[in-house]
């Protein structure tokens, strides 16, 4: 099923649902009512948001550590392994 088919199916299901049970307004509303001071600070057990975006020194990467290489400069392939076929002649096959 392609993404377009999925979207079309979801649209069809949503329209059928709306026709059957009707359209409901969202249950969450956003208002301009100011929050209480307790809601702004949160409970004492809640984690605090840091005032700066710099990582603490304990999490910084040491500058003297060499960078890890993601791949070797050259790749080596294994040598083919000779196998004996039914006619007693050698055939070379790539090793796995």
PDB file of N, CA and C in Angstrom:
ATOM      1  N   UNK A   1       0.850  -1.172   0.000  1.00  0.00           N
ATOM      2  CA  UNK A   1       0.000   0.000   0.000  1.00  0.00           C
ATOM      3  C   UNK A   1       0.898   1.239   0.000  1.00  0.00           C
ATOM      4  N   UNK A   2       0.655   2.130  -0.911  1.00  0.00           N
ATOM      5  CA  UNK A   2       1.469   3.339  -0.981  1.00  0.00           C
ATOM      6  C   UNK A   2       0.971   4.355   0.041  1.00  0.00           C
ATOM      7  N   UNK A   3       1.775   5.376   0.277  1.00  0.00           N
ATOM      8  CA  UNK A   3       1.378   6.415   1.231  1.00  0.00           C
ATOM      9  C   UNK A   3       0.131   7.156   0.742  1.00  0.00           C
ATOM     10  N   UNK A   4       0.016   7.352  -0.566  1.00  0.00           N
ATOM     11  CA  UNK A   4      -1.178   8.009  -1.095  1.00  0.00           C
ATOM     12  C   UNK A   4      -2.418   7.165  -0.834  1.00  0.00           C
ATOM     13  N   UNK A   5      -2.282   5.843  -0.989  1.00  0.00           N
ATOM     14  CA  UNK A   5      -3.407   4.953  -0.707  1.00  0.00           C
ATOM     15  C   UNK A   5      -3.765   4.978   0.778  1.00  0.00           C
ATOM     16  N   UNK A   6      -2.753   5.038   1.634  1.00  0.00           N
ATOM     17  CA  UNK A   6      -2.997   5.113   3.079  1.00  0.00           C
ATOM     18  C   UNK A   6      -3.732   6.403   3.415  1.00  0.00           C
ATOM     19  N   UNK A   7      -3.274   7.527   2.854  1.00  0.00           N
ATOM     20  CA  UNK A   7      -3.931   8.813   3.116  1.00  0.00           C
ATOM     21  C   UNK A   7      -5.385   8.799   2.636  1.00  0.00           C
ATOM     22  N   UNK A   8      -5.596   8.224   1.441  1.00  0.00           N
ATOM     23  CA  UNK A   8      -6.950   8.149   0.899  1.00  0.00           C
ATOM     24  C   UNK A   8      -7.840   7.283   1.799  1.00  0.00           C
ATOM     25  N   UNK A   9      -7.311   6.157   2.269  1.00  0.00           N
ATOM     26  CA  UNK A   9      -8.060   5.280   3.166  1.00  0.00           C
ATOM     27  C   UNK A   9      -8.396   6.007   4.466  1.00  0.00           C
ATOM     28  N   UNK A  10      -7.411   6.704   5.055  1.00  0.00           N
ATOM     29  CA  UNK A  10      -7.652   7.430   6.304  1.00  0.00           C
ATOM     30  C   UNK A  10      -8.691   8.535   6.108  1.00  0.00           C
ATOM     31  N   UNK A  11      -8.616   9.235   4.974  1.00  0.00           N
ATOM     32  CA  UNK A  11      -9.586  10.295   4.685  1.00  0.00           C
ATOM     33  C   UNK A  11     -10.993   9.695   4.572  1.00  0.00           C
ATOM     34  N   UNK A  12     -11.107   8.560   3.883  1.00  0.00           N
ATOM     35  CA  UNK A  12     -12.400   7.890   3.725  1.00  0.00           C
ATOM     36  C   UNK A  12     -12.961   7.467   5.081  1.00  0.00           C
ATOM     37  N   UNK A  13     -12.116   6.868   5.911  1.00  0.00           N
ATOM     38  CA  UNK A  13     -12.551   6.423   7.241  1.00  0.00           C
ATOM     39  C   UNK A  13     -12.978   7.618   8.095  1.00  0.00           C
ATOM     40  N   UNK A  14     -12.210   8.726   8.035  1.00  0.00           N
ATOM     41  CA  UNK A  14     -12.549   9.917   8.828  1.00  0.00           C
ATOM     42  C   UNK A  14     -13.881  10.505   8.386  1.00  0.00           C
ATOM     43  N   UNK A  15     -14.103  10.576   7.068  1.00  0.00           N
ATOM     44  CA  UNK A  15     -15.369  11.120   6.570  1.00  0.00           C
ATOM     45  C   UNK A  15     -16.539  10.229   6.974  1.00  0.00           C
ATOM     46  N   UNK A  16     -16.362   8.906   6.884  1.00  0.00           N
ATOM     47  CA  UNK A  16     -17.427   7.978   7.277  1.00  0.00           C
ATOM     48  C   UNK A  16     -17.717   8.098   8.770  1.00  0.00           C
ATOM     49  N   UNK A  17     -16.663   8.249   9.571  1.00  0.00           N
ATOM     50  CA  UNK A  17     -16.844   8.408  11.017  1.00  0.00           C
ATOM     51  C   UNK A  17     -17.576   9.706  11.320  1.00  0.00           C
ATOM     52  N   UNK A  18     -17.189  10.797  10.660  1.00  0.00           N
ATOM     53  CA  UNK A  18     -17.844  12.089  10.879  1.00  0.00           C
ATOM     54  C   UNK A  18     -19.324  12.024  10.515  1.00  0.00           C
ATOM     55  N   UNK A  19     -19.663  11.302   9.428  1.00  0.00           N
ATOM     56  CA  UNK A  19     -21.067  11.176   9.031  1.00  0.00           C
ATOM     57  C   UNK A  19     -21.851  10.351  10.047  1.00  0.00           C
ATOM     58  N   UNK A  20     -21.204   9.340  10.612  1.00  0.00           N
ATOM     59  CA  UNK A  20     -21.901   8.440  11.536  1.00  0.00           C
ATOM     60  C   UNK A  20     -22.106   9.062  12.916  1.00  0.00           C
ATOM     61  N   UNK A  21     -21.057   9.657  13.477  1.00  0.00           N
ATOM     62  CA  UNK A  21     -21.165  10.171  14.852  1.00  0.00           C
ATOM     63  C   UNK A  21     -21.126  11.690  14.929  1.00  0.00           C
ATOM     64  N   UNK A  22     -20.852  12.354  13.839  1.00  0.00           N
ATOM     65  CA  UNK A  22     -20.803  13.804  13.841  1.00  0.00           C
ATOM     66  C   UNK A  22     -19.407  14.318  14.146  1.00  0.00           C
ATOM     67  N   UNK A  23     -19.229  15.617  13.928  1.00  0.00           N
ATOM     68  CA  UNK A  23     -17.932  16.247  14.152  1.00  0.00           C
ATOM     69  C   UNK A  23     -17.928  16.841  15.555  1.00  0.00           C
ATOM     70  N   UNK A  24     -16.893  16.552  16.329  1.00  0.00           N
ATOM     71  CA  UNK A  24     -16.763  17.067  17.689  1.00  0.00           C
ATOM     72  C   UNK A  24     -15.705  18.163  17.722  1.00  0.00           C
ATOM     73  N   UNK A  25     -15.954  19.235  18.477  1.00  0.00           N
ATOM     74  CA  UNK A  25     -14.908  20.254  18.628  1.00  0.00           C
ATOM     75  C   UNK A  25     -13.766  19.690  19.476  1.00  0.00           C
ATOM     76  N   UNK A  26     -12.584  20.247  19.350  1.00  0.00           N
ATOM     77  CA  UNK A  26     -11.463  19.751  20.154  1.00  0.00           C
ATOM     78  C   UNK A  26     -11.756  19.913  21.641  1.00  0.00           C
ATOM     79  N   UNK A  27     -11.299  18.970  22.444  1.00  0.00           N
ATOM     80  CA  UNK A  27     -11.579  19.011  23.884  1.00  0.00           C
ATOM     81  C   UNK A  27     -10.586  19.885  24.636  1.00  0.00           C
ATOM     82  N   UNK A  28      -9.501  20.286  23.997  1.00  0.00           N
ATOM     83  CA  UNK A  28      -8.502  21.150  24.629  1.00  0.00           C
ATOM     84  C   UNK A  28      -8.613  22.525  23.993  1.00  0.00           C
ATOM     85  N   UNK A  29      -8.723  23.544  24.815  1.00  0.00           N
ATOM     86  CA  UNK A  29      -8.781  24.897  24.281  1.00  0.00           C
ATOM     87  C   UNK A  29      -7.625  25.709  24.845  1.00  0.00           C
ATOM     88  N   UNK A  30      -7.162  26.642  24.051  1.00  0.00           N
ATOM     89  CA  UNK A  30      -6.057  27.508  24.464  1.00  0.00           C
ATOM     90  C   UNK A  30      -6.647  28.872  24.787  1.00  0.00           C
ATOM     91  N   UNK A  31      -6.353  29.363  25.970  1.00  0.00           N
ATOM     92  CA  UNK A  31      -6.870  30.669  26.366  1.00  0.00           C
ATOM     93  C   UNK A  31      -5.717  31.547  26.843  1.00  0.00           C
ATOM     94  N   UNK A  32      -6.011  32.815  26.985  1.00  0.00           N
ATOM     95  CA  UNK A  32      -5.011  33.778  27.427  1.00  0.00           C
ATOM     96  C   UNK A  32      -5.022  33.954  28.941  1.00  0.00           C
ATOM     97  N   UNK A  33      -5.682  33.083  29.669  1.00  0.00           N
ATOM     98  CA  UNK A  33      -5.745  33.178  31.124  1.00  0.00           C
ATOM     99  C   UNK A  33      -4.372  32.910  31.707  1.00  0.00           C
ATOM    100  N   UNK A  34      -3.842  33.825  32.530  1.00  0.00           N
ATOM    101  CA  UNK A  34      -2.515  33.593  33.109  1.00  0.00           C
ATOM    102  C   UNK A  34      -2.539  32.407  34.070  1.00  0.00           C
ATOM    103  N   UNK A  35      -1.470  31.671  34.095  1.00  0.00           N
ATOM    104  CA  UNK A  35      -1.354  30.519  34.977  1.00  0.00           C
ATOM    105  C   UNK A  35      -0.957  30.968  36.375  1.00  0.00           C
ATOM    106  N   UNK A  36      -1.293  30.156  37.347  1.00  0.00           N
ATOM    107  CA  UNK A  36      -0.905  30.479  38.722  1.00  0.00           C
ATOM    108  C   UNK A  36       0.604  30.330  38.869  1.00  0.00           C
ATOM    109  N   UNK A  37       1.173  30.929  39.908  1.00  0.00           N
ATOM    110  CA  UNK A  37       2.620  30.856  40.111  1.00  0.00           C
ATOM    111  C   UNK A  37       3.062  29.425  40.377  1.00  0.00           C
ATOM    112  N   UNK A  38       2.194  28.606  40.942  1.00  0.00           N
ATOM    113  CA  UNK A  38       2.533  27.204  41.197  1.00  0.00           C
ATOM    114  C   UNK A  38       2.686  26.465  39.872  1.00  0.00           C
ATOM    115  N   UNK A  39       1.832  26.775  38.906  1.00  0.00           N
ATOM    116  CA  UNK A  39       1.904  26.102  37.610  1.00  0.00           C
ATOM    117  C   UNK A  39       3.148  26.533  36.842  1.00  0.00           C
ATOM    118  N   UNK A  40       3.611  27.752  37.068  1.00  0.00           N
ATOM    119  CA  UNK A  40       4.794  28.226  36.356  1.00  0.00           C
ATOM    120  C   UNK A  40       6.071  27.582  36.884  1.00  0.00           C
ATOM    121  N   UNK A  41       6.147  27.407  38.182  1.00  0.00           N
ATOM    122  CA  UNK A  41       7.370  26.847  38.753  1.00  0.00           C
ATOM    123  C   UNK A  41       7.326  25.338  38.827  1.00  0.00           C
ATOM    124  N   UNK A  42       6.160  24.773  39.011  1.00  0.00           N
ATOM    125  CA  UNK A  42       6.027  23.330  39.110  1.00  0.00           C
ATOM    126  C   UNK A  42       6.374  22.844  40.494  1.00  0.00           C
ATOM    127  N   UNK A  43       6.127  21.577  40.758  1.00  0.00           N
ATOM    128  CA  UNK A  43       6.448  21.033  42.076  1.00  0.00           C
ATOM    129  C   UNK A  43       7.956  20.968  42.286  1.00  0.00           C
ATOM    130  N   UNK A  44       8.357  20.844  43.549  1.00  0.00           N
ATOM    131  CA  UNK A  44       9.784  20.825  43.875  1.00  0.00           C
ATOM    132  C   UNK A  44      10.491  19.626  43.258  1.00  0.00           C
ATOM    133  N   UNK A  45       9.762  18.544  42.981  1.00  0.00           N
ATOM    134  CA  UNK A  45      10.399  17.347  42.429  1.00  0.00           C
ATOM    135  C   UNK A  45      10.585  17.419  40.918  1.00  0.00           C
ATOM    136  N   UNK A  46      10.001  18.421  40.268  1.00  0.00           N
ATOM    137  CA  UNK A  46      10.094  18.515  38.813  1.00  0.00           C
ATOM    138  C   UNK A  46      11.492  18.954  38.397  1.00  0.00           C
ATOM    139  N   UNK A  47      12.007  18.419  37.281  1.00  0.00           N
ATOM    140  CA  UNK A  47      13.327  18.855  36.817  1.00  0.00           C
ATOM    141  C   UNK A  47      13.268  20.296  36.325  1.00  0.00           C
ATOM    142  N   UNK A  48      14.368  20.999  36.465  1.00  0.00           N
ATOM    143  CA  UNK A  48      14.407  22.387  36.028  1.00  0.00           C
ATOM    144  C   UNK A  48      15.009  22.479  34.636  1.00  0.00           C
ATOM    145  N   UNK A  49      14.614  23.492  33.914  1.00  0.00           N
ATOM    146  CA  UNK A  49      15.161  23.729  32.587  1.00  0.00           C
ATOM    147  C   UNK A  49      16.402  24.589  32.727  1.00  0.00           C
ATOM    148  N   UNK A  50      17.535  24.178  32.153  1.00  0.00           N
ATOM    149  CA  UNK A  50      18.748  24.992  32.288  1.00  0.00           C
ATOM    150  C   UNK A  50      18.581  26.335  31.590  1.00  0.00           C
ATOM    151  N   UNK A  51      19.228  27.350  32.124  1.00  0.00           N
ATOM    152  CA  UNK A  51      19.136  28.686  31.565  1.00  0.00           C
ATOM    153  C   UNK A  51      20.044  28.869  30.354  1.00  0.00           C
ATOM    154  N   UNK A  52      21.044  28.007  30.183  1.00  0.00           N
ATOM    155  CA  UNK A  52      21.912  28.113  29.013  1.00  0.00           C
ATOM    156  C   UNK A  52      21.908  26.770  28.283  1.00  0.00           C
ATOM    157  N   UNK A  53      22.336  26.790  27.034  1.00  0.00           N
ATOM    158  CA  UNK A  53      22.315  25.564  26.232  1.00  0.00           C
ATOM    159  C   UNK A  53      23.668  24.880  26.169  1.00  0.00           C
ATOM    160  N   UNK A  54      24.694  25.437  26.832  1.00  0.00           N
ATOM    161  CA  UNK A  54      26.014  24.806  26.817  1.00  0.00           C
ATOM    162  C   UNK A  54      26.000  23.548  27.674  1.00  0.00           C
ATOM    163  N   UNK A  55      26.672  22.511  27.186  1.00  0.00           N
ATOM    164  CA  UNK A  55      26.751  21.265  27.952  1.00  0.00           C
ATOM    165  C   UNK A  55      27.681  21.461  29.142  1.00  0.00           C
ATOM    166  N   UNK A  56      27.402  20.810  30.260  1.00  0.00           N
ATOM    167  CA  UNK A  56      28.315  20.906  31.400  1.00  0.00           C
ATOM    168  C   UNK A  56      29.657  20.267  31.060  1.00  0.00           C
ATOM    169  N   UNK A  57      30.698  20.666  31.772  1.00  0.00           N
ATOM    170  CA  UNK A  57      32.035  20.146  31.482  1.00  0.00           C
ATOM    171  C   UNK A  57      32.109  18.639  31.590  1.00  0.00           C
ATOM    172  N   UNK A  58      31.321  18.055  32.470  1.00  0.00           N
ATOM    173  CA  UNK A  58      31.363  16.603  32.640  1.00  0.00           C
ATOM    174  C   UNK A  58      30.886  15.870  31.388  1.00  0.00           C
ATOM    175  N   UNK A  59      30.151  16.551  30.501  1.00  0.00           N
ATOM    176  CA  UNK A  59      29.655  15.914  29.288  1.00  0.00           C
ATOM    177  C   UNK A  59      30.422  16.313  28.037  1.00  0.00           C
ATOM    178  N   UNK A  60      31.367  17.217  28.157  1.00  0.00           N
ATOM    179  CA  UNK A  60      32.077  17.664  26.961  1.00  0.00           C
ATOM    180  C   UNK A  60      33.089  16.614  26.509  1.00  0.00           C
ATOM    181  N   UNK A  61      33.374  16.594  25.216  1.00  0.00           N
ATOM    182  CA  UNK A  61      34.317  15.640  24.642  1.00  0.00           C
ATOM    183  C   UNK A  61      35.728  16.153  24.875  1.00  0.00           C
ATOM    184  N   UNK A  62      36.633  15.311  25.376  1.00  0.00           N
ATOM    185  CA  UNK A  62      38.016  15.755  25.570  1.00  0.00           C
ATOM    186  C   UNK A  62      38.640  16.163  24.235  1.00  0.00           C
ATOM    187  N   UNK A  63      39.351  17.270  24.245  1.00  0.00           N
ATOM    188  CA  UNK A  63      39.942  17.790  23.008  1.00  0.00           C
ATOM    189  C   UNK A  63      41.156  16.978  22.561  1.00  0.00           C
ATOM    190  N   UNK A  64      41.856  16.312  23.499  1.00  0.00           N
ATOM    191  CA  UNK A  64      43.069  15.589  23.132  1.00  0.00           C
ATOM    192  C   UNK A  64      42.785  14.173  22.626  1.00  0.00           C
ATOM    193  N   UNK A  65      41.528  13.746  22.630  1.00  0.00           N
ATOM    194  CA  UNK A  65      41.199  12.403  22.161  1.00  0.00           C
ATOM    195  C   UNK A  65      41.180  12.384  20.633  1.00  0.00           C
ATOM    196  N   UNK A  66      41.877  11.425  19.992  1.00  0.00           N
ATOM    197  CA  UNK A  66      41.861  11.382  18.524  1.00  0.00           C
ATOM    198  C   UNK A  66      40.484  10.956  18.016  1.00  0.00           C
ATOM    199  N   UNK A  67      40.150  11.430  16.838  1.00  0.00           N
ATOM    200  CA  UNK A  67      38.874  11.058  16.235  1.00  0.00           C
ATOM    201  C   UNK A  67      38.904   9.608  15.798  1.00  0.00           C
ATOM    202  N   UNK A  68      37.782   8.959  15.932  1.00  0.00           N
ATOM    203  CA  UNK A  68      37.667   7.563  15.523  1.00  0.00           C
ATOM    204  C   UNK A  68      37.455   7.516  14.007  1.00  0.00           C
ATOM    205  N   UNK A  69      38.172   6.625  13.329  1.00  0.00           N
ATOM    206  CA  UNK A  69      37.979   6.477  11.891  1.00  0.00           C
ATOM    207  C   UNK A  69      36.795   5.550  11.661  1.00  0.00           C
ATOM    208  N   UNK A  70      35.958   5.921  10.718  1.00  0.00           N
ATOM    209  CA  UNK A  70      34.767   5.122  10.477  1.00  0.00           C
ATOM    210  C   UNK A  70      35.053   3.907   9.603  1.00  0.00           C
ATOM    211  N   UNK A  71      36.100   3.970   8.779  1.00  0.00           N
ATOM    212  CA  UNK A  71      36.414   2.841   7.899  1.00  0.00           C
ATOM    213  C   UNK A  71      37.910   2.858   7.604  1.00  0.00           C
ATOM    214  N   UNK A  72      38.482   1.688   7.312  1.00  0.00           N
ATOM    215  CA  UNK A  72      39.903   1.662   6.960  1.00  0.00           C
ATOM    216  C   UNK A  72      40.137   2.341   5.614  1.00  0.00           C
ATOM    217  N   UNK A  73      41.371   2.749   5.391  1.00  0.00           N
ATOM    218  CA  UNK A  73      41.706   3.417   4.129  1.00  0.00           C
ATOM    219  C   UNK A  73      41.534   2.480   2.937  1.00  0.00           C
ATOM    220  N   UNK A  74      41.945   1.219   3.094  1.00  0.00           N
ATOM    221  CA  UNK A  74      41.798   0.247   2.006  1.00  0.00           C
ATOM    222  C   UNK A  74      41.100  -0.993   2.539  1.00  0.00           C
ATOM    223  N   UNK A  75      40.377  -1.640   1.676  1.00  0.00           N
ATOM    224  CA  UNK A  75      39.698  -2.869   2.043  1.00  0.00           C
ATOM    225  C   UNK A  75      40.412  -4.044   1.387  1.00  0.00           C
ATOM    226  N   UNK A  76      40.555  -5.136   2.119  1.00  0.00           N
ATOM    227  CA  UNK A  76      41.183  -6.331   1.550  1.00  0.00           C
ATOM    228  C   UNK A  76      40.130  -7.413   1.393  1.00  0.00           C
ATOM    229  N   UNK A  77      40.186  -8.091   0.269  1.00  0.00           N
ATOM    230  CA  UNK A  77      39.258  -9.173  -0.001  1.00  0.00           C
ATOM    231  C   UNK A  77      39.961 -10.500   0.218  1.00  0.00           C
ATOM    232  N   UNK A  78      39.244 -11.526   0.669  1.00  0.00           N
ATOM    233  CA  UNK A  78      39.875 -12.826   0.877  1.00  0.00           C
ATOM    234  C   UNK A  78      40.284 -13.457  -0.449  1.00  0.00           C
ATOM    235  N   UNK A  79      41.302 -14.295  -0.382  1.00  0.00           N
ATOM    236  CA  UNK A  79      41.771 -15.007  -1.574  1.00  0.00           C
ATOM    237  C   UNK A  79      40.759 -16.082  -1.954  1.00  0.00           C
ATOM    238  N   UNK A  80      40.578 -16.353  -3.262  1.00  0.00           N
ATOM    239  CA  UNK A  80      39.671 -17.427  -3.668  1.00  0.00           C
ATOM    240  C   UNK A  80      40.199 -18.781  -3.183  1.00  0.00           C
ATOM    241  N   UNK A  81      39.287 -19.660  -2.814  1.00  0.00           N
ATOM    242  CA  UNK A  81      39.655 -20.982  -2.314  1.00  0.00           C
ATOM    243  C   UNK A  81      39.420 -22.001  -3.423  1.00  0.00           C
ATOM    244  N   UNK A  82      40.458 -22.824  -3.784  1.00  0.00           N
ATOM    245  CA  UNK A  82      40.231 -23.824  -4.838  1.00  0.00           C
ATOM    246  C   UNK A  82      39.358 -24.965  -4.309  1.00  0.00           C
ATOM    247  N   UNK A  83      38.422 -25.409  -5.139  1.00  0.00           N
ATOM    248  CA  UNK A  83      37.608 -26.570  -4.781  1.00  0.00           C
ATOM    249  C   UNK A  83      37.675 -27.579  -5.919  1.00  0.00           C
ATOM    250  N   UNK A  84      37.451 -28.833  -5.621  1.00  0.00           N
ATOM    251  CA  UNK A  84      37.527 -29.901  -6.614  1.00  0.00           C
ATOM    252  C   UNK A  84      36.124 -30.176  -7.122  1.00  0.00           C
ATOM    253  N   UNK A  85      35.939 -30.129  -8.456  1.00  0.00           N
ATOM    254  CA  UNK A  85      34.609 -30.432  -8.972  1.00  0.00           C
ATOM    255  C   UNK A  85      34.515 -31.913  -9.339  1.00  0.00           C
ATOM    256  N   UNK A  86      33.415 -32.341  -9.906  1.00  0.00           N
ATOM    257  CA  UNK A  86      33.187 -33.752 -10.212  1.00  0.00           C
ATOM    258  C   UNK A  86      34.111 -34.286 -11.300  1.00  0.00           C
ATOM    259  N   UNK A  87      34.716 -33.451 -12.117  1.00  0.00           N
ATOM    260  CA  UNK A  87      35.572 -33.888 -13.217  1.00  0.00           C
ATOM    261  C   UNK A  87      37.047 -33.824 -12.857  1.00  0.00           C
ATOM    262  N   UNK A  88      37.369 -33.709 -11.572  1.00  0.00           N
ATOM    263  CA  UNK A  88      38.738 -33.659 -11.069  1.00  0.00           C
ATOM    264  C   UNK A  88      39.546 -32.499 -11.640  1.00  0.00           C
ATOM    265  N   UNK A  89      38.916 -31.416 -11.944  1.00  0.00           N
ATOM    266  CA  UNK A  89      39.643 -30.215 -12.352  1.00  0.00           C
ATOM    267  C   UNK A  89      39.391 -29.155 -11.289  1.00  0.00           C
ATOM    268  N   UNK A  90      40.383 -28.322 -11.089  1.00  0.00           N
ATOM    269  CA  UNK A  90      40.254 -27.293 -10.065  1.00  0.00           C
ATOM    270  C   UNK A  90      39.443 -26.113 -10.584  1.00  0.00           C
ATOM    271  N   UNK A  91      38.557 -25.676  -9.751  1.00  0.00           N
ATOM    272  CA  UNK A  91      37.740 -24.504 -10.044  1.00  0.00           C
ATOM    273  C   UNK A  91      37.919 -23.554  -8.872  1.00  0.00           C
ATOM    274  N   UNK A  92      38.082 -22.287  -9.170  1.00  0.00           N
ATOM    275  CA  UNK A  92      38.240 -21.306  -8.096  1.00  0.00           C
ATOM    276  C   UNK A  92      36.889 -20.683  -7.794  1.00  0.00           C
ATOM    277  N   UNK A  93      36.591 -20.640  -6.511  1.00  0.00           N
ATOM    278  CA  UNK A  93      35.330 -20.065  -6.060  1.00  0.00           C
ATOM    279  C   UNK A  93      35.637 -19.026  -4.996  1.00  0.00           C
ATOM    280  N   UNK A  94      34.898 -17.944  -5.025  1.00  0.00           N
ATOM    281  CA  UNK A  94      35.100 -16.905  -4.016  1.00  0.00           C
ATOM    282  C   UNK A  94      34.734 -17.466  -2.647  1.00  0.00           C
ATOM    283  N   UNK A  95      35.583 -17.193  -1.664  1.00  0.00           N
ATOM    284  CA  UNK A  95      35.267 -17.650  -0.308  1.00  0.00           C
ATOM    285  C   UNK A  95      34.199 -16.757   0.290  1.00  0.00           C
ATOM    286  N   UNK A  96      33.428 -17.313   1.150  1.00  0.00           N
ATOM    287  CA  UNK A  96      32.316 -16.577   1.751  1.00  0.00           C
ATOM    288  C   UNK A  96      32.707 -16.050   3.093  1.00  0.00           C
TER     289      UNK A  96
END
